[in-house]
N, C-alpha and C. Protein backbone atom coordinates (compact mmCIF):
# COMPACT_ATOMS: atom_id res chain seq x y z
N UNK A 1 0.83 -1.18 0.00
CA UNK A 1 0.00 0.00 0.00
C UNK A 1 0.88 1.24 0.00
N UNK A 2 0.48 2.22 -0.79
CA UNK A 2 1.20 3.47 -0.83
C UNK A 2 0.86 4.30 0.41
N UNK A 3 1.69 5.30 0.64
CA UNK A 3 1.45 6.20 1.77
C UNK A 3 0.13 6.92 1.56
N UNK A 4 -0.63 7.05 2.60
CA UNK A 4 -1.94 7.70 2.50
C UNK A 4 -1.74 9.21 2.42
N UNK A 5 -2.07 9.72 1.29
CA UNK A 5 -1.96 11.16 1.05
C UNK A 5 -3.35 11.68 0.71
N UNK A 6 -4.01 12.37 1.66
CA UNK A 6 -5.38 12.83 1.38
C UNK A 6 -5.45 13.80 0.21
N UNK A 7 -4.42 14.58 0.00
CA UNK A 7 -4.44 15.52 -1.12
C UNK A 7 -4.40 14.77 -2.46
N UNK A 8 -3.57 13.74 -2.53
CA UNK A 8 -3.50 12.97 -3.77
C UNK A 8 -4.81 12.21 -4.00
N UNK A 9 -5.37 11.65 -2.94
CA UNK A 9 -6.66 10.97 -3.10
C UNK A 9 -7.75 11.95 -3.54
N UNK A 10 -7.72 13.15 -2.99
CA UNK A 10 -8.70 14.16 -3.40
C UNK A 10 -8.53 14.53 -4.87
N UNK A 11 -7.30 14.63 -5.33
CA UNK A 11 -7.06 14.96 -6.74
C UNK A 11 -7.56 13.85 -7.65
N UNK A 12 -7.37 12.58 -7.24
CA UNK A 12 -7.86 11.46 -8.04
C UNK A 12 -9.38 11.48 -8.10
N UNK A 13 -10.02 11.77 -7.00
CA UNK A 13 -11.48 11.81 -6.97
C UNK A 13 -12.02 12.96 -7.83
N UNK A 14 -11.34 14.10 -7.79
CA UNK A 14 -11.75 15.24 -8.63
C UNK A 14 -11.60 14.89 -10.12
N UNK A 15 -10.49 14.24 -10.48
CA UNK A 15 -10.28 13.86 -11.88
C UNK A 15 -11.33 12.84 -12.32
N UNK A 16 -11.59 11.86 -11.44
CA UNK A 16 -12.58 10.84 -11.76
C UNK A 16 -13.97 11.47 -11.93
N UNK A 17 -14.31 12.43 -11.08
CA UNK A 17 -15.61 13.09 -11.18
C UNK A 17 -15.72 13.91 -12.46
N UNK A 18 -14.62 14.58 -12.87
CA UNK A 18 -14.64 15.37 -14.11
C UNK A 18 -14.83 14.47 -15.33
N UNK A 19 -14.14 13.32 -15.34
CA UNK A 19 -14.30 12.39 -16.46
C UNK A 19 -15.72 11.84 -16.49
N UNK A 20 -16.25 11.52 -15.32
CA UNK A 20 -17.64 11.02 -15.27
C UNK A 20 -18.61 12.07 -15.80
N UNK A 21 -18.40 13.35 -15.45
CA UNK A 21 -19.29 14.42 -15.90
C UNK A 21 -19.26 14.55 -17.43
N UNK A 22 -18.06 14.42 -18.02
CA UNK A 22 -17.95 14.51 -19.48
C UNK A 22 -18.69 13.35 -20.14
N UNK A 23 -18.50 12.13 -19.61
CA UNK A 23 -19.15 10.97 -20.21
C UNK A 23 -20.68 11.06 -20.05
N UNK A 24 -21.14 11.45 -18.86
CA UNK A 24 -22.58 11.58 -18.64
C UNK A 24 -23.17 12.68 -19.53
N UNK A 25 -22.44 13.77 -19.71
CA UNK A 25 -22.92 14.83 -20.59
C UNK A 25 -23.05 14.38 -22.03
N UNK A 26 -22.07 13.59 -22.50
CA UNK A 26 -22.14 13.07 -23.88
C UNK A 26 -23.33 12.13 -24.05
N UNK A 27 -23.58 11.29 -23.04
CA UNK A 27 -24.70 10.35 -23.13
C UNK A 27 -26.03 11.09 -23.19
N UNK A 28 -26.17 12.16 -22.40
CA UNK A 28 -27.43 12.92 -22.39
C UNK A 28 -27.57 13.76 -23.65
N UNK A 29 -26.47 14.32 -24.15
CA UNK A 29 -26.54 15.23 -25.30
C UNK A 29 -26.72 14.49 -26.62
N UNK A 30 -26.33 13.21 -26.70
CA UNK A 30 -26.40 12.48 -27.97
C UNK A 30 -27.82 12.41 -28.53
N UNK A 31 -28.84 11.96 -27.78
CA UNK A 31 -30.20 11.94 -28.36
C UNK A 31 -30.75 13.34 -28.63
N UNK A 32 -30.31 14.33 -27.85
CA UNK A 32 -30.76 15.71 -28.10
C UNK A 32 -30.25 16.20 -29.45
N UNK A 33 -28.97 15.93 -29.74
CA UNK A 33 -28.40 16.33 -31.03
C UNK A 33 -29.10 15.61 -32.17
N UNK A 34 -29.41 14.33 -31.98
CA UNK A 34 -30.12 13.59 -33.02
C UNK A 34 -31.51 14.16 -33.25
N UNK A 35 -32.20 14.54 -32.19
CA UNK A 35 -33.54 15.11 -32.31
C UNK A 35 -33.51 16.46 -33.02
N UNK A 36 -32.43 17.22 -32.85
CA UNK A 36 -32.29 18.52 -33.51
C UNK A 36 -31.82 18.40 -34.95
N UNK A 37 -31.66 17.17 -35.46
CA UNK A 37 -31.23 17.00 -36.83
C UNK A 37 -29.74 17.21 -37.04
N UNK A 38 -28.91 16.87 -36.04
CA UNK A 38 -27.45 17.02 -36.14
C UNK A 38 -26.79 15.65 -35.96
N UNK A 39 -26.89 14.79 -36.95
CA UNK A 39 -26.40 13.42 -36.80
C UNK A 39 -24.89 13.34 -36.61
N UNK A 40 -24.15 14.25 -37.22
CA UNK A 40 -22.68 14.21 -37.07
C UNK A 40 -22.28 14.45 -35.62
N UNK A 41 -22.91 15.43 -34.98
CA UNK A 41 -22.61 15.70 -33.58
C UNK A 41 -23.00 14.52 -32.70
N UNK A 42 -24.15 13.94 -32.98
CA UNK A 42 -24.58 12.77 -32.21
C UNK A 42 -23.58 11.62 -32.37
N UNK A 43 -23.04 11.46 -33.58
CA UNK A 43 -22.07 10.39 -33.81
C UNK A 43 -20.81 10.60 -32.98
N UNK A 44 -20.29 11.82 -32.97
CA UNK A 44 -19.05 12.07 -32.23
C UNK A 44 -19.26 11.97 -30.73
N UNK A 45 -20.41 12.38 -30.25
CA UNK A 45 -20.69 12.21 -28.82
C UNK A 45 -20.72 10.72 -28.45
N UNK A 46 -21.36 9.92 -29.29
CA UNK A 46 -21.39 8.48 -29.05
C UNK A 46 -20.01 7.86 -29.15
N UNK A 47 -19.16 8.38 -30.04
CA UNK A 47 -17.81 7.84 -30.20
C UNK A 47 -16.96 8.10 -28.96
N UNK A 48 -17.11 9.27 -28.34
CA UNK A 48 -16.36 9.58 -27.11
C UNK A 48 -16.73 8.60 -26.01
N UNK A 49 -18.02 8.32 -25.85
CA UNK A 49 -18.46 7.37 -24.83
C UNK A 49 -17.98 5.96 -25.17
N UNK A 50 -17.93 5.63 -26.46
CA UNK A 50 -17.48 4.30 -26.87
C UNK A 50 -16.03 4.07 -26.46
N UNK A 51 -15.22 5.11 -26.49
CA UNK A 51 -13.82 4.97 -26.04
C UNK A 51 -13.78 4.60 -24.56
N UNK A 52 -14.61 5.26 -23.76
CA UNK A 52 -14.69 4.93 -22.33
C UNK A 52 -15.17 3.50 -22.11
N UNK A 53 -16.14 3.07 -22.92
CA UNK A 53 -16.65 1.69 -22.79
C UNK A 53 -15.53 0.69 -23.10
N UNK A 54 -14.72 0.98 -24.13
CA UNK A 54 -13.60 0.08 -24.46
C UNK A 54 -12.59 0.00 -23.33
N UNK A 55 -12.31 1.15 -22.70
CA UNK A 55 -11.37 1.16 -21.57
C UNK A 55 -11.91 0.32 -20.41
N UNK A 56 -13.19 0.44 -20.10
CA UNK A 56 -13.79 -0.36 -19.03
C UNK A 56 -13.77 -1.85 -19.37
N UNK A 57 -14.06 -2.17 -20.65
CA UNK A 57 -14.07 -3.57 -21.05
C UNK A 57 -12.69 -4.20 -20.92
N UNK A 58 -11.64 -3.44 -21.26
CA UNK A 58 -10.28 -3.96 -21.14
C UNK A 58 -9.83 -4.09 -19.69
N UNK A 59 -10.48 -3.38 -18.77
CA UNK A 59 -10.11 -3.41 -17.35
C UNK A 59 -11.13 -4.18 -16.51
N UNK A 60 -11.82 -5.15 -17.14
CA UNK A 60 -12.79 -5.99 -16.46
C UNK A 60 -13.94 -5.16 -15.86
N UNK A 61 -14.40 -4.16 -16.63
CA UNK A 61 -15.53 -3.30 -16.28
C UNK A 61 -15.31 -2.58 -14.94
N UNK A 62 -14.05 -2.18 -14.75
CA UNK A 62 -13.70 -1.41 -13.57
C UNK A 62 -12.87 -0.22 -14.03
N UNK A 63 -13.22 0.98 -13.55
CA UNK A 63 -12.50 2.18 -13.98
C UNK A 63 -11.05 2.13 -13.47
N UNK A 64 -10.10 2.44 -14.32
CA UNK A 64 -8.69 2.43 -13.87
C UNK A 64 -8.44 3.39 -12.71
N UNK A 65 -9.17 4.49 -12.63
CA UNK A 65 -8.96 5.43 -11.53
C UNK A 65 -9.47 4.89 -10.19
N UNK A 66 -10.37 3.92 -10.24
CA UNK A 66 -10.80 3.27 -9.00
C UNK A 66 -9.63 2.49 -8.38
N UNK A 67 -8.92 1.76 -9.22
CA UNK A 67 -7.74 1.04 -8.74
C UNK A 67 -6.66 2.00 -8.26
N UNK A 68 -6.54 3.11 -8.95
CA UNK A 68 -5.53 4.10 -8.57
C UNK A 68 -5.87 4.70 -7.20
N UNK A 69 -7.15 5.04 -6.99
CA UNK A 69 -7.55 5.62 -5.72
C UNK A 69 -7.45 4.61 -4.57
N UNK A 70 -7.65 3.32 -4.88
CA UNK A 70 -7.60 2.31 -3.81
C UNK A 70 -6.22 2.18 -3.21
N UNK A 71 -5.20 2.67 -3.86
CA UNK A 71 -3.85 2.62 -3.31
C UNK A 71 -3.64 3.60 -2.17
N UNK A 72 -4.53 4.59 -2.04
CA UNK A 72 -4.31 5.65 -1.08
C UNK A 72 -5.38 5.69 0.02
N UNK A 73 -6.21 4.66 0.09
CA UNK A 73 -7.24 4.60 1.13
C UNK A 73 -7.66 3.16 1.37
N UNK A 74 -8.16 2.92 2.57
CA UNK A 74 -8.70 1.60 2.90
C UNK A 74 -10.21 1.54 2.69
N UNK A 75 -10.82 2.64 2.37
CA UNK A 75 -12.27 2.67 2.17
C UNK A 75 -12.61 1.93 0.89
N UNK A 76 -13.77 1.23 0.94
CA UNK A 76 -14.20 0.48 -0.24
C UNK A 76 -15.69 0.67 -0.54
N UNK A 77 -16.31 1.72 -0.06
CA UNK A 77 -17.69 1.97 -0.44
C UNK A 77 -17.76 2.39 -1.91
N UNK A 78 -18.94 2.39 -2.43
CA UNK A 78 -19.10 2.59 -3.89
C UNK A 78 -18.64 3.96 -4.36
N UNK A 79 -18.58 4.93 -3.51
CA UNK A 79 -18.18 6.28 -3.94
C UNK A 79 -16.87 6.73 -3.30
N UNK A 80 -16.03 5.79 -2.91
CA UNK A 80 -14.78 6.18 -2.27
C UNK A 80 -13.81 6.84 -3.25
N UNK A 81 -14.00 6.59 -4.52
CA UNK A 81 -13.07 7.09 -5.54
C UNK A 81 -13.65 8.23 -6.37
N UNK A 82 -14.84 8.73 -6.04
CA UNK A 82 -15.49 9.74 -6.86
C UNK A 82 -16.44 10.56 -5.99
N UNK A 83 -16.66 11.83 -6.38
CA UNK A 83 -17.56 12.70 -5.62
C UNK A 83 -18.98 12.58 -6.20
N UNK A 84 -19.63 11.47 -5.87
CA UNK A 84 -21.01 11.22 -6.29
C UNK A 84 -21.78 10.70 -5.08
N UNK A 85 -23.10 10.93 -5.08
CA UNK A 85 -23.91 10.30 -4.02
C UNK A 85 -23.74 8.78 -4.05
N UNK A 86 -23.91 8.16 -2.90
CA UNK A 86 -23.68 6.72 -2.82
C UNK A 86 -24.60 5.93 -3.73
N UNK A 87 -25.90 6.31 -3.80
CA UNK A 87 -26.84 5.57 -4.64
C UNK A 87 -26.51 5.70 -6.12
N UNK A 88 -26.04 6.91 -6.53
CA UNK A 88 -25.70 7.11 -7.93
C UNK A 88 -24.43 6.36 -8.30
N UNK A 89 -23.43 6.37 -7.41
CA UNK A 89 -22.19 5.64 -7.67
C UNK A 89 -22.45 4.14 -7.73
N UNK A 90 -23.41 3.67 -6.93
CA UNK A 90 -23.71 2.24 -6.92
C UNK A 90 -24.39 1.78 -8.21
N UNK A 91 -25.27 2.60 -8.77
CA UNK A 91 -26.02 2.21 -9.98
C UNK A 91 -25.56 2.98 -11.22
N UNK A 92 -24.37 3.51 -11.15
CA UNK A 92 -23.88 4.36 -12.23
C UNK A 92 -23.81 3.62 -13.57
N UNK A 93 -23.20 2.46 -13.58
CA UNK A 93 -23.02 1.72 -14.84
C UNK A 93 -24.37 1.27 -15.40
N UNK A 94 -25.25 0.81 -14.54
CA UNK A 94 -26.55 0.34 -15.03
C UNK A 94 -27.37 1.48 -15.60
N UNK A 95 -27.40 2.60 -14.88
CA UNK A 95 -28.23 3.74 -15.30
C UNK A 95 -27.73 4.35 -16.60
N UNK A 96 -26.46 4.73 -16.64
CA UNK A 96 -25.93 5.42 -17.82
C UNK A 96 -25.64 4.46 -18.97
N UNK A 97 -25.42 3.18 -18.66
CA UNK A 97 -25.30 2.21 -19.74
C UNK A 97 -26.61 2.05 -20.49
N UNK A 98 -27.73 2.03 -19.75
CA UNK A 98 -29.06 1.94 -20.39
C UNK A 98 -29.35 3.19 -21.22
N UNK A 99 -29.03 4.35 -20.65
CA UNK A 99 -29.25 5.61 -21.38
C UNK A 99 -28.40 5.67 -22.64
N UNK A 100 -27.19 5.13 -22.57
CA UNK A 100 -26.30 5.15 -23.74
C UNK A 100 -26.85 4.29 -24.87
N UNK A 101 -27.28 3.09 -24.56
CA UNK A 101 -27.84 2.21 -25.59
C UNK A 101 -29.12 2.80 -26.17
N UNK A 102 -29.98 3.36 -25.29
CA UNK A 102 -31.21 3.98 -25.78
C UNK A 102 -30.91 5.19 -26.66
N UNK A 103 -29.89 5.96 -26.29
CA UNK A 103 -29.51 7.12 -27.11
C UNK A 103 -29.02 6.72 -28.49
N UNK A 104 -28.24 5.63 -28.56
CA UNK A 104 -27.77 5.14 -29.86
C UNK A 104 -28.94 4.69 -30.72
N UNK A 105 -29.88 3.97 -30.12
CA UNK A 105 -31.05 3.50 -30.87
C UNK A 105 -31.88 4.68 -31.38
N UNK A 106 -32.07 5.69 -30.54
CA UNK A 106 -32.85 6.86 -30.96
C UNK A 106 -32.13 7.63 -32.06
N UNK A 107 -30.81 7.76 -31.94
CA UNK A 107 -30.05 8.50 -32.97
C UNK A 107 -30.13 7.79 -34.31
N UNK A 108 -30.03 6.46 -34.30
CA UNK A 108 -30.14 5.72 -35.56
C UNK A 108 -31.53 5.84 -36.16
N UNK A 109 -32.54 5.75 -35.32
CA UNK A 109 -33.92 5.89 -35.82
C UNK A 109 -34.16 7.28 -36.39
N UNK A 110 -33.68 8.29 -35.70
CA UNK A 110 -33.85 9.67 -36.18
C UNK A 110 -33.08 9.90 -37.47
N UNK A 111 -31.91 9.30 -37.58
CA UNK A 111 -31.10 9.46 -38.80
C UNK A 111 -31.81 8.84 -39.99
N UNK A 112 -32.36 7.63 -39.82
CA UNK A 112 -33.09 6.99 -40.91
C UNK A 112 -34.36 7.76 -41.26
N UNK A 113 -35.02 8.30 -40.26
CA UNK A 113 -36.25 9.08 -40.49
C UNK A 113 -35.95 10.35 -41.27
N UNK A 114 -34.91 11.05 -40.90
CA UNK A 114 -34.55 12.28 -41.61
C UNK A 114 -34.01 11.98 -43.00
N UNK A 115 -33.34 10.84 -43.16
CA UNK A 115 -32.87 10.45 -44.49
C UNK A 115 -34.03 10.17 -45.43
N UNK A 116 -35.11 9.55 -44.94
CA UNK A 116 -36.29 9.32 -45.77
C UNK A 116 -36.97 10.61 -46.17
N UNK A 117 -37.02 11.57 -45.26
CA UNK A 117 -37.63 12.87 -45.60
C UNK A 117 -36.81 13.59 -46.64
N UNK A 118 -35.48 13.51 -46.52
CA UNK A 118 -34.62 14.18 -47.51
C UNK A 118 -34.79 13.56 -48.89
N UNK A 119 -35.02 12.24 -48.95
CA UNK A 119 -35.22 11.59 -50.24
C UNK A 119 -36.54 12.00 -50.89
N UNK A 120 -37.57 12.23 -50.06
CA UNK A 120 -38.86 12.64 -50.59
C UNK A 120 -38.93 14.13 -50.91
N UNK A 121 -37.98 14.89 -50.43
CA UNK A 121 -37.98 16.33 -50.64
C UNK A 121 -37.62 16.65 -52.09
N UNK A 122 -38.36 17.57 -52.79
CA UNK A 122 -38.05 17.88 -54.19
C UNK A 122 -36.72 18.60 -54.32
N UNK A 123 -36.13 18.47 -55.50
CA UNK A 123 -34.86 19.12 -55.76
C UNK A 123 -35.04 20.63 -55.79
N UNK A 124 -34.05 21.39 -55.28
CA UNK A 124 -34.15 22.85 -55.38
C UNK A 124 -34.03 23.31 -56.81
N UNK A 125 -34.38 24.57 -57.05
CA UNK A 125 -34.35 25.11 -58.41
C UNK A 125 -32.95 25.12 -58.99
N UNK A 126 -31.93 25.29 -58.15
CA UNK A 126 -30.56 25.32 -58.64
C UNK A 126 -30.11 23.98 -59.17
N UNK A 127 -30.79 22.89 -58.75
CA UNK A 127 -30.40 21.55 -59.20
C UNK A 127 -31.12 21.12 -60.47
N UNK A 128 -32.05 21.90 -60.97
CA UNK A 128 -32.76 21.55 -62.18
C UNK A 128 -31.86 21.75 -63.40
N UNK A 129 -32.11 21.04 -64.53
CA UNK A 129 -31.28 21.20 -65.72
C UNK A 129 -31.30 22.62 -66.24
N UNK A 130 -30.20 23.00 -66.89
CA UNK A 130 -30.09 24.36 -67.40
C UNK A 130 -31.11 24.62 -68.50
N UNK A 131 -31.39 23.62 -69.33
CA UNK A 131 -32.36 23.80 -70.42
C UNK A 131 -33.73 24.08 -69.87
N UNK A 132 -34.10 23.35 -68.82
CA UNK A 132 -35.42 23.57 -68.22
C UNK A 132 -35.51 24.97 -67.65
N UNK A 133 -34.41 25.42 -67.01
CA UNK A 133 -34.44 26.78 -66.46
C UNK A 133 -34.54 27.81 -67.56
N UNK A 134 -33.84 27.56 -68.72
CA UNK A 134 -33.88 28.52 -69.82
C UNK A 134 -35.27 28.61 -70.42
N UNK A 135 -35.88 27.45 -70.68
CA UNK A 135 -37.23 27.44 -71.25
C UNK A 135 -38.21 28.07 -70.29
N UNK A 136 -38.07 27.71 -69.01
CA UNK A 136 -38.99 28.28 -68.02
C UNK A 136 -38.78 29.76 -67.89
N UNK A 137 -37.55 30.24 -68.16
CA UNK A 137 -37.28 31.67 -68.03
C UNK A 137 -37.74 32.46 -69.24
N UNK A 138 -37.72 31.83 -70.46
CA UNK A 138 -38.08 32.57 -71.67
C UNK A 138 -39.57 32.60 -71.93
N UNK A 139 -40.25 31.53 -71.60
CA UNK A 139 -41.67 31.46 -71.94
C UNK A 139 -42.48 32.59 -71.34
N UNK A 140 -42.33 32.90 -70.07
CA UNK A 140 -43.14 34.00 -69.53
C UNK A 140 -42.83 35.32 -70.17
N UNK A 141 -41.50 35.59 -70.51
CA UNK A 141 -41.17 36.88 -71.09
C UNK A 141 -41.79 37.04 -72.47
N UNK A 142 -41.80 35.94 -73.30
CA UNK A 142 -42.41 36.02 -74.62
C UNK A 142 -43.90 36.26 -74.52
N UNK A 143 -44.49 35.58 -73.54
CA UNK A 143 -45.93 35.75 -73.37
C UNK A 143 -46.26 37.17 -72.93
N UNK A 144 -45.45 37.69 -72.04
CA UNK A 144 -45.67 39.07 -71.59
C UNK A 144 -45.45 40.03 -72.73
N UNK A 145 -44.41 39.75 -73.60
CA UNK A 145 -44.17 40.62 -74.74
C UNK A 145 -45.32 40.62 -75.72
N UNK A 146 -45.93 39.45 -75.96
CA UNK A 146 -47.08 39.37 -76.87
C UNK A 146 -48.25 40.16 -76.33
N UNK A 147 -48.47 40.02 -75.03
CA UNK A 147 -49.58 40.77 -74.41
C UNK A 147 -49.34 42.26 -74.50
N UNK A 148 -48.07 42.68 -74.27
CA UNK A 148 -47.75 44.11 -74.35
C UNK A 148 -47.95 44.63 -75.75
N UNK A 149 -47.51 43.84 -76.79
CA UNK A 149 -47.70 44.27 -78.18
C UNK A 149 -49.17 44.40 -78.52
N UNK A 150 -49.98 43.44 -78.07
CA UNK A 150 -51.41 43.50 -78.35
C UNK A 150 -52.04 44.74 -77.74
N UNK A 151 -51.61 45.05 -76.49
CA UNK A 151 -52.15 46.25 -75.83
C UNK A 151 -51.74 47.51 -76.58
N UNK A 152 -50.47 47.56 -77.06
CA UNK A 152 -50.02 48.76 -77.80
C UNK A 152 -50.78 48.90 -79.11
N UNK A 153 -51.01 47.78 -79.82
CA UNK A 153 -51.75 47.85 -81.07
C UNK A 153 -53.18 48.32 -80.86
N UNK A 154 -53.80 47.82 -79.75
CA UNK A 154 -55.17 48.24 -79.46
C UNK A 154 -55.22 49.73 -79.16
N UNK A 155 -54.24 50.22 -78.39
CA UNK A 155 -54.21 51.66 -78.08
C UNK A 155 -53.98 52.49 -79.33
N UNK A 156 -53.09 51.97 -80.25
CA UNK A 156 -52.84 52.71 -81.49
C UNK A 156 -54.10 52.78 -82.34
N UNK A 157 -54.84 51.66 -82.40
CA UNK A 157 -56.07 51.65 -83.19
C UNK A 157 -57.09 52.63 -82.64
N UNK A 158 -57.17 52.68 -81.29
CA UNK A 158 -58.13 53.62 -80.69
C UNK A 158 -57.75 55.06 -80.97
N UNK A 159 -56.41 55.33 -81.00
CA UNK A 159 -55.97 56.70 -81.25
C UNK A 159 -56.14 57.09 -82.71
N UNK A 160 -55.95 56.12 -83.64
CA UNK A 160 -56.03 56.44 -85.07
C UNK A 160 -57.47 56.66 -85.50
N UNK A 161 -58.39 55.83 -84.99
CA UNK A 161 -59.78 55.92 -85.45
C UNK A 161 -60.41 57.27 -85.12
N UNK A 162 -60.29 57.79 -83.91
CA UNK A 162 -60.86 59.12 -83.66
C UNK A 162 -60.21 60.19 -84.51
N UNK A 163 -58.87 60.06 -84.76
CA UNK A 163 -58.18 61.08 -85.55
C UNK A 163 -58.72 61.10 -86.98
N UNK A 164 -58.90 59.89 -87.57
CA UNK A 164 -59.42 59.82 -88.94
C UNK A 164 -60.83 60.36 -89.00
N UNK A 165 -61.61 60.02 -87.98
CA UNK A 165 -62.99 60.48 -87.98
C UNK A 165 -63.07 61.99 -87.85
N UNK A 166 -62.18 62.53 -86.99
CA UNK A 166 -62.15 64.00 -86.85
C UNK A 166 -61.72 64.65 -88.15
N UNK A 167 -60.77 63.99 -88.86
CA UNK A 167 -60.36 64.56 -90.14
C UNK A 167 -61.48 64.54 -91.15
N UNK A 168 -62.28 63.48 -91.20
CA UNK A 168 -63.39 63.41 -92.14
C UNK A 168 -64.42 64.47 -91.82
N UNK A 169 -64.69 64.64 -90.52
CA UNK A 169 -65.65 65.69 -90.14
C UNK A 169 -65.15 67.05 -90.55
N UNK A 170 -63.83 67.28 -90.35
CA UNK A 170 -63.29 68.59 -90.73
C UNK A 170 -63.37 68.80 -92.24
N UNK A 171 -63.06 67.74 -93.02
CA UNK A 171 -63.11 67.86 -94.48
C UNK A 171 -64.53 68.13 -94.95
N UNK A 172 -65.49 67.42 -94.35
CA UNK A 172 -66.88 67.63 -94.75
C UNK A 172 -67.32 69.06 -94.44
N UNK A 173 -66.90 69.54 -93.26
CA UNK A 173 -67.28 70.91 -92.90
C UNK A 173 -66.65 71.92 -93.83
N UNK A 174 -65.37 71.68 -94.17
CA UNK A 174 -64.67 72.62 -95.07
C UNK A 174 -65.31 72.59 -96.44
N UNK A 175 -65.67 71.39 -96.92
CA UNK A 175 -66.32 71.29 -98.25
C UNK A 175 -67.67 71.98 -98.28
N UNK A 176 -68.41 71.83 -97.20
CA UNK A 176 -69.71 72.48 -97.14
C UNK A 176 -69.55 73.99 -97.18
N UNK A 177 -68.54 74.50 -96.43
CA UNK A 177 -68.30 75.95 -96.43
C UNK A 177 -67.87 76.42 -97.81
N UNK A 178 -67.02 75.60 -98.49
CA UNK A 178 -66.55 76.00 -99.83
C UNK A 178 -67.71 76.04 -100.83
N UNK A 179 -68.58 75.02 -100.76
CA UNK A 179 -69.75 75.00 -101.67
C UNK A 179 -70.65 76.19 -101.44
N UNK A 180 -70.84 76.54 -100.19
CA UNK A 180 -71.68 77.69 -99.88
C UNK A 180 -71.06 78.96 -100.41
N UNK A 181 -69.73 79.06 -100.28
CA UNK A 181 -69.04 80.26 -100.77
C UNK A 181 -69.16 80.37 -102.28
N UNK A 182 -68.99 79.24 -102.98
CA UNK A 182 -69.12 79.25 -104.45
C UNK A 182 -70.53 79.65 -104.88
N UNK A 183 -71.53 79.12 -104.17
CA UNK A 183 -72.91 79.45 -104.52
C UNK A 183 -73.18 80.92 -104.32
N UNK A 184 -72.63 81.45 -103.21
CA UNK A 184 -72.83 82.89 -102.95
C UNK A 184 -72.14 83.72 -104.01
N UNK A 185 -70.93 83.30 -104.47
CA UNK A 185 -70.21 84.05 -105.49
C UNK A 185 -70.94 84.03 -106.82
N UNK A 186 -71.48 82.85 -107.18
CA UNK A 186 -72.24 82.78 -108.44
C UNK A 186 -73.49 83.64 -108.40
N UNK A 187 -74.18 83.64 -107.27
CA UNK A 187 -75.38 84.47 -107.16
C UNK A 187 -75.04 85.93 -107.27
N UNK A 188 -73.92 86.32 -106.63
CA UNK A 188 -73.52 87.74 -106.70
C UNK A 188 -73.13 88.13 -108.12
N UNK A 189 -72.42 87.24 -108.82
CA UNK A 189 -72.00 87.54 -110.20
C UNK A 189 -73.21 87.66 -111.13
N UNK A 190 -74.18 86.77 -110.96
CA UNK A 190 -75.38 86.79 -111.80
C UNK A 190 -76.17 88.08 -111.59
N UNK A 191 -76.27 88.51 -110.35
CA UNK A 191 -76.99 89.76 -110.04
C UNK A 191 -76.30 90.96 -110.66
N UNK A 192 -74.98 90.94 -110.63
CA UNK A 192 -74.19 92.07 -111.20
C UNK A 192 -74.40 92.15 -112.71
N UNK A 193 -74.38 90.97 -113.36
CA UNK A 193 -74.59 90.97 -114.81
C UNK A 193 -75.99 91.47 -115.17
N UNK A 194 -76.97 91.11 -114.43
CA UNK A 194 -78.34 91.55 -114.72
C UNK A 194 -78.47 93.07 -114.54
N UNK A 195 -77.85 93.59 -113.53
CA UNK A 195 -77.92 95.05 -113.32
C UNK A 195 -77.21 95.81 -114.43
N UNK A 196 -76.04 95.30 -114.82
CA UNK A 196 -75.29 95.98 -115.91
C UNK A 196 -76.07 95.94 -117.21
N UNK A 197 -76.76 94.87 -117.47
CA UNK A 197 -77.54 94.73 -118.69
C UNK A 197 -78.74 95.68 -118.69
N UNK A 198 -79.36 95.83 -117.55
CA UNK A 198 -80.52 96.74 -117.45
C UNK A 198 -80.09 98.18 -117.68
N UNK A 199 -78.90 98.53 -117.12
CA UNK A 199 -78.41 99.92 -117.28
C UNK A 199 -78.09 100.18 -118.75
N UNK A 200 -77.48 99.16 -119.40
CA UNK A 200 -77.13 99.35 -120.82
C UNK A 200 -78.38 99.53 -121.67
N UNK A 201 -79.43 98.78 -121.41
CA UNK A 201 -80.69 98.90 -122.17
C UNK A 201 -81.32 100.26 -121.95
N UNK A 202 -81.25 100.75 -120.71
CA UNK A 202 -81.84 102.06 -120.39
C UNK A 202 -81.12 103.17 -121.11
N UNK A 203 -79.78 103.10 -121.16
CA UNK A 203 -79.00 104.17 -121.81
C UNK A 203 -79.26 104.16 -123.33
N UNK A 204 -79.26 102.94 -123.89
CA UNK A 204 -79.47 102.85 -125.34
C UNK A 204 -80.88 103.36 -125.71
N UNK A 205 -81.87 103.05 -124.85
CA UNK A 205 -83.22 103.52 -125.14
C UNK A 205 -83.33 105.03 -125.09
N UNK A 206 -82.67 105.71 -124.15
CA UNK A 206 -82.71 107.15 -124.05
C UNK A 206 -82.04 107.82 -125.24
N UNK A 207 -80.92 107.22 -125.64
CA UNK A 207 -80.23 107.79 -126.80
C UNK A 207 -81.07 107.69 -128.07
N UNK A 208 -81.77 106.57 -128.24
CA UNK A 208 -82.60 106.41 -129.44
C UNK A 208 -83.76 107.40 -129.42
N UNK A 209 -84.37 107.63 -128.32
CA UNK A 209 -85.48 108.57 -128.23
C UNK A 209 -85.00 110.00 -128.46
N UNK A 210 -83.86 110.29 -127.97
CA UNK A 210 -83.34 111.63 -128.10
C UNK A 210 -82.95 111.96 -129.55
N UNK A 211 -82.50 110.99 -130.29
CA UNK A 211 -82.08 111.21 -131.66
C UNK A 211 -83.20 111.42 -132.58
């Protein structure tokens, strides 16, 4: 037996408790990571615990630090080598071993479930063929262009028809005014000729009587 050094025994118990906390944390966090859809993290957490399981298996399912602590004390209760409650130290392997196996099963089930959903999920637009994207991109623009051309042609037709109609109305009005002016000019000319003829007859008649 080595010399009993309470400080060294305390250091071994602190180290053993820290390692236990890391392993227990990995066991608890593994199913949580799987539930959040982070399979890689769940895998590495399980791998860390698997290393501890291999170490225990090679040491006949006894922690090497338990043997190390036993060199510095005569105590042999279940928590003599670690700062844990007696009931937890006594059932530590059974409790966390069950949680570890259940966490692995849940992580595998969640991984297969999420893999099936990913397979059923449609491909994003960036993964579609380039030809399909080109056709899908050109068709709407051509259709919009045709609609725009039709609208412009309809507006042009509406603008041209009133203009032509207004021009016809103006031409008809101008022609009517011109015809009226010509009729008035002919009437005035005819009246002038009749008056000149009457004056000439009157003068000739007076001259004949006078002679």
